[in-house]
Amino acid sequence: MPDVVIRKRLIQVEEIFHEGGRPVAVPLRRGAALAVIRNPFAGRYVEDISPFMDDLNPLGVDMASALLEALGGDPQLIQGYGKGAIVGSAGELEHGALWHVPGGYAMRHALGEAKAIVPSAKKVAGPGARLDVPVTHINASYVRSHFDAMEVGIADAPRADELLLALVMTTGSRIHARVGGLKASEIKGEDGLR
């Protein structure tokens, strides 16, 4: 398979102290790791693209490690995660799906084999496009307080022959979460859902 050719990378971290209510003592931290790579399938149809997932595994591991470090380095601090991809216009949506396994398993491994499926979003778009990467709790997808999203993007990416790959991690629930549902303290940890 083709080499993974990286044009640029970005790590961003935001701290949220309040959303209109009382400021919290410890802010919620949300971070994203982004990589812009050449899409080896741009401009043509290739039947078997799945081997490229193996080529993306080292990038996923590196991005997950860098993001974890940017958020403090302690896997125990991370409570939410998600992933996504923006495919440049010469590609197809399925090229973004190549990120499911390398991105998801890299985060789950970095966090100590988290149990919940890593939510994902993808689309085909041009430079400057934004993507709302969905976020859920790392061990139980039904923990409502952790349903969230982080908008990501890079001004000059993806170009037509590129993929923008994203990983997102958070240190907690939405600030001022109060709409009920399963609480993080009630997780049974049996199936990644509850």
N, C-alpha and C. Protein backbone atom coordinates (compact mmCIF):
# COMPACT_ATOMS: atom_id res chain seq x y z
N MET A 1 0.84 -1.21 0.00
CA MET A 1 0.00 0.00 0.00
C MET A 1 0.87 1.25 0.00
N PRO A 2 0.28 2.39 -0.31
CA PRO A 2 1.03 3.65 -0.37
C PRO A 2 1.50 4.10 1.01
N ASP A 3 2.54 4.91 1.00
CA ASP A 3 3.01 5.50 2.25
C ASP A 3 2.01 6.56 2.73
N VAL A 4 2.02 6.79 4.04
CA VAL A 4 1.23 7.87 4.62
C VAL A 4 2.08 9.14 4.53
N VAL A 5 1.64 10.08 3.72
CA VAL A 5 2.38 11.32 3.50
C VAL A 5 1.65 12.43 4.24
N ILE A 6 2.26 12.96 5.29
CA ILE A 6 1.65 14.00 6.13
C ILE A 6 2.09 15.37 5.63
N ARG A 7 1.12 16.25 5.40
CA ARG A 7 1.44 17.64 5.05
C ARG A 7 1.53 18.51 6.29
N LYS A 8 0.61 18.34 7.22
CA LYS A 8 0.66 19.13 8.45
C LYS A 8 -0.13 18.44 9.55
N ARG A 9 0.16 18.86 10.77
CA ARG A 9 -0.56 18.37 11.95
C ARG A 9 -0.90 19.54 12.86
N LEU A 10 -1.91 19.33 13.69
CA LEU A 10 -2.34 20.38 14.61
C LEU A 10 -2.89 19.71 15.87
N ILE A 11 -2.52 20.26 17.02
CA ILE A 11 -3.14 19.88 18.30
C ILE A 11 -3.77 21.15 18.85
N GLN A 12 -5.04 21.05 19.25
CA GLN A 12 -5.69 22.20 19.88
C GLN A 12 -6.39 21.73 21.15
N VAL A 13 -6.34 22.59 22.17
CA VAL A 13 -6.99 22.28 23.44
C VAL A 13 -7.77 23.52 23.87
N GLU A 14 -9.01 23.31 24.26
CA GLU A 14 -9.80 24.41 24.80
C GLU A 14 -10.21 24.08 26.22
N GLU A 15 -10.32 25.13 27.04
CA GLU A 15 -10.78 24.99 28.42
C GLU A 15 -12.10 25.74 28.55
N ILE A 16 -13.10 25.08 29.11
CA ILE A 16 -14.42 25.67 29.25
C ILE A 16 -14.72 25.83 30.73
N PHE A 17 -14.92 27.07 31.16
CA PHE A 17 -15.14 27.36 32.57
C PHE A 17 -16.62 27.46 32.92
N HIS A 18 -17.45 27.88 31.97
CA HIS A 18 -18.89 27.92 32.19
C HIS A 18 -19.60 28.07 30.86
N GLU A 19 -20.88 27.79 30.86
CA GLU A 19 -21.73 27.96 29.67
C GLU A 19 -22.92 28.84 30.04
N GLY A 20 -22.67 29.80 30.89
CA GLY A 20 -23.73 30.72 31.31
C GLY A 20 -24.09 30.55 32.78
N GLY A 21 -23.75 29.41 33.36
CA GLY A 21 -23.98 29.19 34.79
C GLY A 21 -22.75 29.59 35.59
N ARG A 22 -22.71 29.12 36.81
CA ARG A 22 -21.59 29.43 37.70
C ARG A 22 -20.30 28.79 37.17
N PRO A 23 -19.19 29.53 37.14
CA PRO A 23 -17.92 28.95 36.71
C PRO A 23 -17.54 27.76 37.60
N VAL A 24 -16.95 26.75 36.99
CA VAL A 24 -16.54 25.55 37.72
C VAL A 24 -15.10 25.70 38.19
N ALA A 25 -14.75 24.98 39.26
CA ALA A 25 -13.40 25.06 39.82
C ALA A 25 -12.38 24.44 38.87
N VAL A 26 -12.76 23.34 38.22
CA VAL A 26 -11.88 22.66 37.27
C VAL A 26 -12.54 22.71 35.90
N PRO A 27 -11.94 23.42 34.96
CA PRO A 27 -12.59 23.55 33.64
C PRO A 27 -12.60 22.24 32.87
N LEU A 28 -13.61 22.09 32.03
CA LEU A 28 -13.64 20.98 31.08
C LEU A 28 -12.58 21.27 30.02
N ARG A 29 -11.79 20.27 29.70
CA ARG A 29 -10.80 20.41 28.64
C ARG A 29 -11.21 19.51 27.49
N ARG A 30 -11.26 20.09 26.29
CA ARG A 30 -11.53 19.32 25.07
C ARG A 30 -10.35 19.54 24.14
N GLY A 31 -9.85 18.46 23.58
CA GLY A 31 -8.72 18.57 22.70
C GLY A 31 -8.92 17.81 21.41
N ALA A 32 -8.25 18.27 20.36
CA ALA A 32 -8.31 17.59 19.07
C ALA A 32 -6.91 17.47 18.51
N ALA A 33 -6.63 16.33 17.92
CA ALA A 33 -5.41 16.10 17.15
C ALA A 33 -5.84 15.93 15.71
N LEU A 34 -5.26 16.73 14.81
CA LEU A 34 -5.60 16.69 13.39
C LEU A 34 -4.36 16.39 12.57
N ALA A 35 -4.54 15.63 11.51
CA ALA A 35 -3.46 15.37 10.56
C ALA A 35 -4.02 15.50 9.16
N VAL A 36 -3.28 16.17 8.30
CA VAL A 36 -3.65 16.31 6.90
C VAL A 36 -2.68 15.45 6.10
N ILE A 37 -3.24 14.46 5.41
CA ILE A 37 -2.39 13.53 4.66
C ILE A 37 -2.83 13.47 3.20
N ARG A 38 -1.93 13.01 2.35
CA ARG A 38 -2.27 12.79 0.94
C ARG A 38 -3.24 11.61 0.86
N ASN A 39 -4.27 11.74 0.08
CA ASN A 39 -5.22 10.66 -0.16
C ASN A 39 -4.70 9.84 -1.35
N PRO A 40 -4.21 8.63 -1.09
CA PRO A 40 -3.62 7.86 -2.19
C PRO A 40 -4.64 7.37 -3.21
N PHE A 41 -5.93 7.53 -2.91
CA PHE A 41 -6.99 7.05 -3.81
C PHE A 41 -7.72 8.19 -4.52
N ALA A 42 -7.26 9.41 -4.31
CA ALA A 42 -7.93 10.57 -4.89
C ALA A 42 -7.95 10.48 -6.41
N GLY A 43 -9.09 10.82 -6.99
CA GLY A 43 -9.22 10.91 -8.43
C GLY A 43 -9.41 9.61 -9.16
N ARG A 44 -9.56 8.51 -8.43
CA ARG A 44 -9.75 7.22 -9.10
C ARG A 44 -10.49 6.27 -8.16
N TYR A 45 -11.14 5.29 -8.73
CA TYR A 45 -11.83 4.28 -7.93
C TYR A 45 -10.90 3.09 -7.74
N VAL A 46 -10.70 2.70 -6.49
CA VAL A 46 -9.90 1.52 -6.16
C VAL A 46 -10.81 0.59 -5.37
N GLU A 47 -10.94 -0.64 -5.83
CA GLU A 47 -11.86 -1.59 -5.19
C GLU A 47 -11.45 -1.93 -3.77
N ASP A 48 -10.21 -2.34 -3.57
CA ASP A 48 -9.76 -2.79 -2.24
C ASP A 48 -8.88 -1.73 -1.60
N ILE A 49 -9.49 -0.89 -0.78
CA ILE A 49 -8.75 0.16 -0.08
C ILE A 49 -8.43 -0.20 1.36
N SER A 50 -9.01 -1.27 1.86
CA SER A 50 -8.90 -1.59 3.29
C SER A 50 -7.47 -1.82 3.78
N PRO A 51 -6.52 -2.32 2.97
CA PRO A 51 -5.17 -2.48 3.51
C PRO A 51 -4.54 -1.16 3.98
N PHE A 52 -5.02 -0.02 3.46
CA PHE A 52 -4.46 1.27 3.88
C PHE A 52 -4.73 1.54 5.36
N MET A 53 -5.74 0.89 5.94
CA MET A 53 -5.98 1.05 7.38
C MET A 53 -4.77 0.62 8.19
N ASP A 54 -4.12 -0.47 7.78
CA ASP A 54 -2.91 -0.91 8.49
C ASP A 54 -1.82 0.15 8.40
N ASP A 55 -1.71 0.80 7.25
CA ASP A 55 -0.71 1.84 7.09
C ASP A 55 -1.00 3.05 7.98
N LEU A 56 -2.28 3.28 8.28
CA LEU A 56 -2.66 4.41 9.12
C LEU A 56 -2.51 4.12 10.62
N ASN A 57 -2.34 2.87 11.01
CA ASN A 57 -2.25 2.53 12.43
C ASN A 57 -1.17 3.33 13.17
N PRO A 58 0.07 3.41 12.67
CA PRO A 58 1.08 4.18 13.41
C PRO A 58 0.71 5.65 13.58
N LEU A 59 0.07 6.24 12.57
CA LEU A 59 -0.37 7.63 12.68
C LEU A 59 -1.43 7.75 13.77
N GLY A 60 -2.37 6.82 13.82
CA GLY A 60 -3.39 6.84 14.87
C GLY A 60 -2.77 6.77 16.25
N VAL A 61 -1.83 5.87 16.44
CA VAL A 61 -1.16 5.72 17.75
C VAL A 61 -0.43 7.00 18.11
N ASP A 62 0.30 7.59 17.16
CA ASP A 62 1.04 8.81 17.41
C ASP A 62 0.11 9.97 17.75
N MET A 63 -0.98 10.09 17.01
CA MET A 63 -1.93 11.18 17.28
C MET A 63 -2.61 11.02 18.63
N ALA A 64 -3.02 9.79 18.97
CA ALA A 64 -3.67 9.54 20.26
C ALA A 64 -2.72 9.85 21.40
N SER A 65 -1.46 9.45 21.27
CA SER A 65 -0.47 9.73 22.32
C SER A 65 -0.22 11.22 22.47
N ALA A 66 -0.09 11.93 21.35
CA ALA A 66 0.15 13.37 21.40
C ALA A 66 -1.04 14.11 22.02
N LEU A 67 -2.25 13.68 21.67
CA LEU A 67 -3.45 14.32 22.23
C LEU A 67 -3.56 14.06 23.72
N LEU A 68 -3.33 12.83 24.13
CA LEU A 68 -3.36 12.51 25.55
C LEU A 68 -2.34 13.36 26.30
N GLU A 69 -1.15 13.50 25.77
CA GLU A 69 -0.11 14.32 26.40
C GLU A 69 -0.56 15.77 26.51
N ALA A 70 -1.18 16.31 25.46
CA ALA A 70 -1.65 17.70 25.47
C ALA A 70 -2.73 17.93 26.52
N LEU A 71 -3.44 16.87 26.87
CA LEU A 71 -4.51 16.97 27.87
C LEU A 71 -4.03 16.56 29.27
N GLY A 72 -2.74 16.47 29.47
CA GLY A 72 -2.20 16.20 30.81
C GLY A 72 -1.44 14.90 30.94
N GLY A 73 -1.57 14.00 29.97
CA GLY A 73 -0.79 12.77 29.97
C GLY A 73 -1.32 11.62 30.79
N ASP A 74 -2.37 11.83 31.55
CA ASP A 74 -2.92 10.77 32.41
C ASP A 74 -4.20 10.20 31.80
N PRO A 75 -4.19 8.93 31.37
CA PRO A 75 -5.40 8.34 30.78
C PRO A 75 -6.61 8.40 31.70
N GLN A 76 -6.37 8.44 33.02
CA GLN A 76 -7.48 8.49 33.96
C GLN A 76 -8.24 9.81 33.91
N LEU A 77 -7.63 10.84 33.31
CA LEU A 77 -8.30 12.14 33.20
C LEU A 77 -9.32 12.17 32.06
N ILE A 78 -9.20 11.27 31.10
CA ILE A 78 -10.02 11.32 29.89
C ILE A 78 -11.33 10.58 30.11
N GLN A 79 -12.44 11.26 29.81
CA GLN A 79 -13.76 10.67 29.98
C GLN A 79 -14.55 10.55 28.67
N GLY A 80 -14.19 11.32 27.66
CA GLY A 80 -14.94 11.29 26.41
C GLY A 80 -14.01 11.23 25.21
N TYR A 81 -14.55 10.69 24.08
CA TYR A 81 -13.75 10.66 22.86
C TYR A 81 -14.61 10.56 21.62
N GLY A 82 -13.99 10.85 20.48
CA GLY A 82 -14.64 10.76 19.18
C GLY A 82 -13.59 10.89 18.08
N LYS A 83 -14.01 10.64 16.85
CA LYS A 83 -13.07 10.72 15.72
C LYS A 83 -13.83 11.19 14.49
N GLY A 84 -13.08 11.61 13.48
CA GLY A 84 -13.73 12.05 12.26
C GLY A 84 -12.74 12.24 11.14
N ALA A 85 -13.28 12.46 9.94
CA ALA A 85 -12.45 12.68 8.76
C ALA A 85 -13.18 13.58 7.78
N ILE A 86 -12.41 14.45 7.14
CA ILE A 86 -12.91 15.24 6.02
C ILE A 86 -12.11 14.81 4.80
N VAL A 87 -12.83 14.38 3.77
CA VAL A 87 -12.21 13.90 2.54
C VAL A 87 -12.23 15.03 1.52
N GLY A 88 -11.08 15.29 0.90
CA GLY A 88 -11.02 16.30 -0.15
C GLY A 88 -11.88 15.92 -1.34
N SER A 89 -12.20 16.89 -2.19
CA SER A 89 -13.20 16.71 -3.23
C SER A 89 -12.84 15.70 -4.31
N ALA A 90 -11.59 15.32 -4.44
CA ALA A 90 -11.22 14.29 -5.43
C ALA A 90 -11.32 12.89 -4.84
N GLY A 91 -11.76 12.81 -3.59
CA GLY A 91 -11.93 11.52 -2.93
C GLY A 91 -13.38 11.17 -2.78
N GLU A 92 -13.64 10.06 -2.11
CA GLU A 92 -15.01 9.63 -1.85
C GLU A 92 -15.20 9.39 -0.36
N LEU A 93 -16.43 9.44 0.08
CA LEU A 93 -16.73 9.32 1.51
C LEU A 93 -16.10 8.08 2.12
N GLU A 94 -16.05 6.99 1.37
CA GLU A 94 -15.49 5.74 1.90
C GLU A 94 -14.03 5.89 2.30
N HIS A 95 -13.32 6.82 1.69
CA HIS A 95 -11.92 7.04 2.08
C HIS A 95 -11.84 7.54 3.52
N GLY A 96 -12.82 8.30 3.96
CA GLY A 96 -12.86 8.74 5.36
C GLY A 96 -13.11 7.59 6.32
N ALA A 97 -13.82 6.56 5.85
CA ALA A 97 -14.09 5.40 6.70
C ALA A 97 -12.82 4.61 7.01
N LEU A 98 -11.77 4.82 6.25
CA LEU A 98 -10.50 4.16 6.53
C LEU A 98 -9.95 4.54 7.91
N TRP A 99 -10.42 5.62 8.48
CA TRP A 99 -9.94 6.11 9.77
C TRP A 99 -10.63 5.44 10.95
N HIS A 100 -11.73 4.72 10.72
CA HIS A 100 -12.47 4.11 11.83
C HIS A 100 -11.58 3.24 12.71
N VAL A 101 -10.95 2.27 12.14
CA VAL A 101 -10.15 1.32 12.93
C VAL A 101 -8.87 1.96 13.47
N PRO A 102 -8.02 2.57 12.62
CA PRO A 102 -6.78 3.11 13.17
C PRO A 102 -6.98 4.22 14.20
N GLY A 103 -7.94 5.09 13.97
CA GLY A 103 -8.19 6.17 14.92
C GLY A 103 -8.85 5.68 16.19
N GLY A 104 -9.88 4.86 16.04
CA GLY A 104 -10.63 4.38 17.20
C GLY A 104 -9.82 3.49 18.11
N TYR A 105 -9.17 2.49 17.54
CA TYR A 105 -8.41 1.56 18.38
C TYR A 105 -7.19 2.22 19.00
N ALA A 106 -6.60 3.20 18.32
CA ALA A 106 -5.46 3.91 18.90
C ALA A 106 -5.88 4.63 20.18
N MET A 107 -7.04 5.29 20.17
CA MET A 107 -7.50 5.97 21.39
C MET A 107 -7.88 4.98 22.46
N ARG A 108 -8.59 3.93 22.08
CA ARG A 108 -8.99 2.94 23.08
C ARG A 108 -7.77 2.33 23.76
N HIS A 109 -6.74 2.05 22.97
CA HIS A 109 -5.51 1.48 23.53
C HIS A 109 -4.80 2.50 24.44
N ALA A 110 -4.68 3.75 23.99
CA ALA A 110 -4.01 4.78 24.78
C ALA A 110 -4.71 5.02 26.11
N LEU A 111 -6.02 4.78 26.14
CA LEU A 111 -6.80 5.03 27.36
C LEU A 111 -7.01 3.78 28.19
N GLY A 112 -6.34 2.69 27.86
CA GLY A 112 -6.46 1.48 28.67
C GLY A 112 -7.61 0.60 28.26
N GLU A 113 -7.82 0.48 26.95
CA GLU A 113 -8.88 -0.38 26.41
C GLU A 113 -10.26 0.08 26.84
N ALA A 114 -10.57 1.33 26.58
CA ALA A 114 -11.90 1.87 26.84
C ALA A 114 -12.95 0.98 26.16
N LYS A 115 -14.12 0.88 26.75
CA LYS A 115 -15.11 -0.10 26.32
C LYS A 115 -16.10 0.39 25.25
N ALA A 116 -16.41 1.68 25.23
CA ALA A 116 -17.45 2.18 24.33
C ALA A 116 -16.92 2.35 22.91
N ILE A 117 -17.81 2.15 21.95
CA ILE A 117 -17.46 2.42 20.57
C ILE A 117 -17.10 3.90 20.44
N VAL A 118 -16.14 4.20 19.57
CA VAL A 118 -15.74 5.59 19.37
C VAL A 118 -16.65 6.19 18.30
N PRO A 119 -17.46 7.19 18.65
CA PRO A 119 -18.37 7.77 17.65
C PRO A 119 -17.57 8.48 16.56
N SER A 120 -18.20 8.63 15.41
CA SER A 120 -17.47 9.15 14.26
C SER A 120 -18.36 9.98 13.36
N ALA A 121 -17.73 10.89 12.62
CA ALA A 121 -18.40 11.66 11.57
C ALA A 121 -17.41 11.82 10.42
N LYS A 122 -17.94 11.91 9.21
CA LYS A 122 -17.09 12.13 8.05
C LYS A 122 -17.91 12.81 6.96
N LYS A 123 -17.19 13.50 6.08
CA LYS A 123 -17.84 14.15 4.95
C LYS A 123 -16.80 14.45 3.89
N VAL A 124 -17.28 14.76 2.69
CA VAL A 124 -16.43 15.22 1.60
C VAL A 124 -16.60 16.73 1.53
N ALA A 125 -15.48 17.47 1.53
CA ALA A 125 -15.56 18.93 1.51
C ALA A 125 -14.21 19.50 1.09
N GLY A 126 -14.18 20.81 0.92
CA GLY A 126 -12.98 21.49 0.49
C GLY A 126 -12.24 22.18 1.60
N PRO A 127 -11.18 22.91 1.25
CA PRO A 127 -10.36 23.61 2.24
C PRO A 127 -11.20 24.52 3.14
N GLY A 128 -10.88 24.49 4.41
CA GLY A 128 -11.57 25.32 5.38
C GLY A 128 -12.84 24.72 5.93
N ALA A 129 -13.24 23.57 5.44
CA ALA A 129 -14.46 22.92 5.95
C ALA A 129 -14.29 22.59 7.42
N ARG A 130 -15.40 22.60 8.11
CA ARG A 130 -15.42 22.27 9.54
C ARG A 130 -16.20 20.97 9.70
N LEU A 131 -15.85 20.23 10.76
CA LEU A 131 -16.53 18.98 11.06
C LEU A 131 -16.85 18.94 12.54
N ASP A 132 -18.10 18.63 12.88
CA ASP A 132 -18.46 18.42 14.28
C ASP A 132 -18.19 16.97 14.62
N VAL A 133 -17.15 16.73 15.41
CA VAL A 133 -16.78 15.38 15.80
C VAL A 133 -17.60 15.00 17.03
N PRO A 134 -18.44 13.96 16.94
CA PRO A 134 -19.27 13.58 18.09
C PRO A 134 -18.42 12.97 19.20
N VAL A 135 -18.87 13.16 20.43
CA VAL A 135 -18.16 12.67 21.60
C VAL A 135 -19.14 11.92 22.49
N THR A 136 -18.71 10.77 23.01
CA THR A 136 -19.45 10.05 24.05
C THR A 136 -18.47 9.60 25.12
N HIS A 137 -19.01 9.10 26.22
CA HIS A 137 -18.19 8.59 27.33
C HIS A 137 -17.36 7.41 26.83
N ILE A 138 -16.13 7.28 27.33
CA ILE A 138 -15.23 6.24 26.83
C ILE A 138 -15.63 4.82 27.23
N ASN A 139 -16.44 4.68 28.26
CA ASN A 139 -16.79 3.33 28.72
C ASN A 139 -18.26 2.98 28.60
N ALA A 140 -19.11 3.95 28.32
CA ALA A 140 -20.54 3.68 28.24
C ALA A 140 -21.21 4.74 27.35
N SER A 141 -21.59 4.33 26.17
CA SER A 141 -22.14 5.27 25.19
C SER A 141 -23.43 5.94 25.63
N TYR A 142 -24.15 5.36 26.59
CA TYR A 142 -25.43 5.91 27.01
C TYR A 142 -25.32 6.96 28.12
N VAL A 143 -24.13 7.34 28.53
CA VAL A 143 -23.98 8.37 29.56
C VAL A 143 -24.30 9.72 28.93
N ARG A 144 -25.50 10.20 29.20
CA ARG A 144 -26.04 11.37 28.51
C ARG A 144 -25.26 12.65 28.76
N SER A 145 -24.68 12.80 29.94
CA SER A 145 -23.94 14.02 30.26
C SER A 145 -22.71 14.22 29.38
N HIS A 146 -22.25 13.16 28.74
CA HIS A 146 -21.05 13.23 27.92
C HIS A 146 -21.35 13.30 26.42
N PHE A 147 -22.65 13.35 26.04
CA PHE A 147 -22.99 13.56 24.63
C PHE A 147 -22.53 14.97 24.27
N ASP A 148 -21.59 15.08 23.36
CA ASP A 148 -21.00 16.37 23.06
C ASP A 148 -20.45 16.33 21.64
N ALA A 149 -19.84 17.40 21.22
CA ALA A 149 -19.16 17.46 19.93
C ALA A 149 -18.12 18.56 20.01
N MET A 150 -17.09 18.41 19.19
CA MET A 150 -16.07 19.45 19.08
C MET A 150 -15.88 19.76 17.60
N GLU A 151 -16.00 21.02 17.26
CA GLU A 151 -15.82 21.43 15.87
C GLU A 151 -14.32 21.52 15.58
N VAL A 152 -13.92 20.91 14.45
CA VAL A 152 -12.51 20.92 14.06
C VAL A 152 -12.39 21.33 12.60
N GLY A 153 -11.21 21.76 12.23
CA GLY A 153 -10.91 22.10 10.85
C GLY A 153 -9.61 22.86 10.75
N ILE A 154 -9.10 22.96 9.54
CA ILE A 154 -7.87 23.70 9.25
C ILE A 154 -8.15 24.55 8.01
N ALA A 155 -7.72 25.80 8.04
CA ALA A 155 -8.10 26.75 6.99
C ALA A 155 -7.77 26.28 5.58
N ASP A 156 -6.66 25.61 5.37
CA ASP A 156 -6.27 25.24 4.01
C ASP A 156 -6.37 23.74 3.74
N ALA A 157 -7.23 23.08 4.47
CA ALA A 157 -7.34 21.62 4.31
C ALA A 157 -8.79 21.18 4.47
N PRO A 158 -9.13 20.07 3.81
CA PRO A 158 -8.28 19.28 2.93
C PRO A 158 -8.30 19.81 1.49
N ARG A 159 -7.16 19.77 0.86
CA ARG A 159 -7.11 20.03 -0.57
C ARG A 159 -7.76 18.84 -1.28
N ALA A 160 -8.01 18.96 -2.57
CA ALA A 160 -8.78 17.94 -3.29
C ALA A 160 -8.21 16.54 -3.13
N ASP A 161 -6.89 16.43 -3.05
CA ASP A 161 -6.25 15.11 -2.97
C ASP A 161 -5.78 14.76 -1.57
N GLU A 162 -6.47 15.29 -0.55
CA GLU A 162 -6.05 15.07 0.84
C GLU A 162 -7.19 14.50 1.69
N LEU A 163 -6.79 14.02 2.86
CA LEU A 163 -7.69 13.63 3.93
C LEU A 163 -7.29 14.41 5.17
N LEU A 164 -8.27 14.95 5.88
CA LEU A 164 -8.03 15.54 7.19
C LEU A 164 -8.58 14.54 8.20
N LEU A 165 -7.71 14.02 9.06
CA LEU A 165 -8.09 13.01 10.05
C LEU A 165 -8.09 13.64 11.43
N ALA A 166 -9.09 13.31 12.25
CA ALA A 166 -9.24 13.96 13.55
C ALA A 166 -9.50 12.95 14.66
N LEU A 167 -8.90 13.21 15.81
CA LEU A 167 -9.20 12.52 17.07
C LEU A 167 -9.57 13.59 18.09
N VAL A 168 -10.55 13.29 18.93
CA VAL A 168 -10.98 14.23 19.98
C VAL A 168 -11.07 13.48 21.30
N MET A 169 -10.61 14.14 22.37
CA MET A 169 -10.76 13.62 23.73
C MET A 169 -11.23 14.75 24.63
N THR A 170 -11.98 14.40 25.68
CA THR A 170 -12.44 15.38 26.66
C THR A 170 -12.18 14.86 28.07
N THR A 171 -12.12 15.78 29.02
CA THR A 171 -11.84 15.40 30.41
C THR A 171 -13.10 15.29 31.25
N GLY A 172 -14.26 15.44 30.67
CA GLY A 172 -15.47 15.33 31.48
C GLY A 172 -16.72 15.55 30.66
N SER A 173 -17.80 15.74 31.40
CA SER A 173 -19.11 15.95 30.79
C SER A 173 -19.24 17.39 30.32
N ARG A 174 -20.34 17.68 29.63
CA ARG A 174 -20.65 19.07 29.31
C ARG A 174 -20.70 19.87 30.61
N ILE A 175 -20.23 21.09 30.55
CA ILE A 175 -20.34 21.96 31.73
C ILE A 175 -21.83 22.17 32.02
N HIS A 176 -22.19 22.03 33.28
CA HIS A 176 -23.57 22.22 33.74
C HIS A 176 -24.54 21.16 33.19
N ALA A 177 -24.06 19.96 32.84
CA ALA A 177 -24.95 18.89 32.36
C ALA A 177 -26.00 18.61 33.42
N ARG A 178 -27.27 18.58 32.99
CA ARG A 178 -28.35 18.40 33.97
C ARG A 178 -29.64 17.91 33.33
N VAL A 179 -29.55 17.05 32.32
CA VAL A 179 -30.76 16.57 31.67
C VAL A 179 -31.05 15.11 31.98
N GLY A 180 -30.46 14.59 33.04
CA GLY A 180 -30.77 13.23 33.48
C GLY A 180 -30.07 12.16 32.68
N GLY A 181 -30.63 10.95 32.78
CA GLY A 181 -30.05 9.81 32.09
C GLY A 181 -28.99 9.11 32.93
N LEU A 182 -28.37 8.12 32.33
CA LEU A 182 -27.33 7.36 33.00
C LEU A 182 -26.19 8.26 33.41
N LYS A 183 -25.75 8.16 34.65
CA LYS A 183 -24.63 8.95 35.15
C LYS A 183 -23.34 8.15 35.02
N ALA A 184 -22.22 8.84 34.89
CA ALA A 184 -20.92 8.17 34.80
C ALA A 184 -20.68 7.31 36.03
N SER A 185 -21.16 7.74 37.18
CA SER A 185 -20.98 6.96 38.41
C SER A 185 -21.80 5.67 38.44
N GLU A 186 -22.74 5.53 37.49
CA GLU A 186 -23.60 4.35 37.43
C GLU A 186 -23.19 3.34 36.35
N ILE A 187 -22.07 3.58 35.69
CA ILE A 187 -21.62 2.69 34.61
C ILE A 187 -21.33 1.30 35.19
N LYS A 188 -21.87 0.29 34.52
CA LYS A 188 -21.59 -1.11 34.89
C LYS A 188 -20.39 -1.65 34.14
N GLY A 189 -20.12 -1.11 32.96
CA GLY A 189 -18.92 -1.49 32.21
C GLY A 189 -18.97 -2.86 31.59
N GLU A 190 -20.16 -3.38 31.31
CA GLU A 190 -20.26 -4.74 30.78
C GLU A 190 -20.25 -4.80 29.25
N ASP A 191 -20.79 -3.77 28.59
CA ASP A 191 -20.98 -3.89 27.15
C ASP A 191 -20.63 -2.63 26.34
N GLY A 192 -20.07 -1.63 26.98
CA GLY A 192 -19.74 -0.40 26.29
C GLY A 192 -20.93 0.52 26.10
N LEU A 193 -22.11 0.09 26.52
CA LEU A 193 -23.31 0.90 26.40
C LEU A 193 -23.74 1.49 27.74
N ARG A 194 -23.79 0.63 28.74
CA ARG A 194 -24.23 1.03 30.07
C ARG A 194 -23.17 0.70 31.08
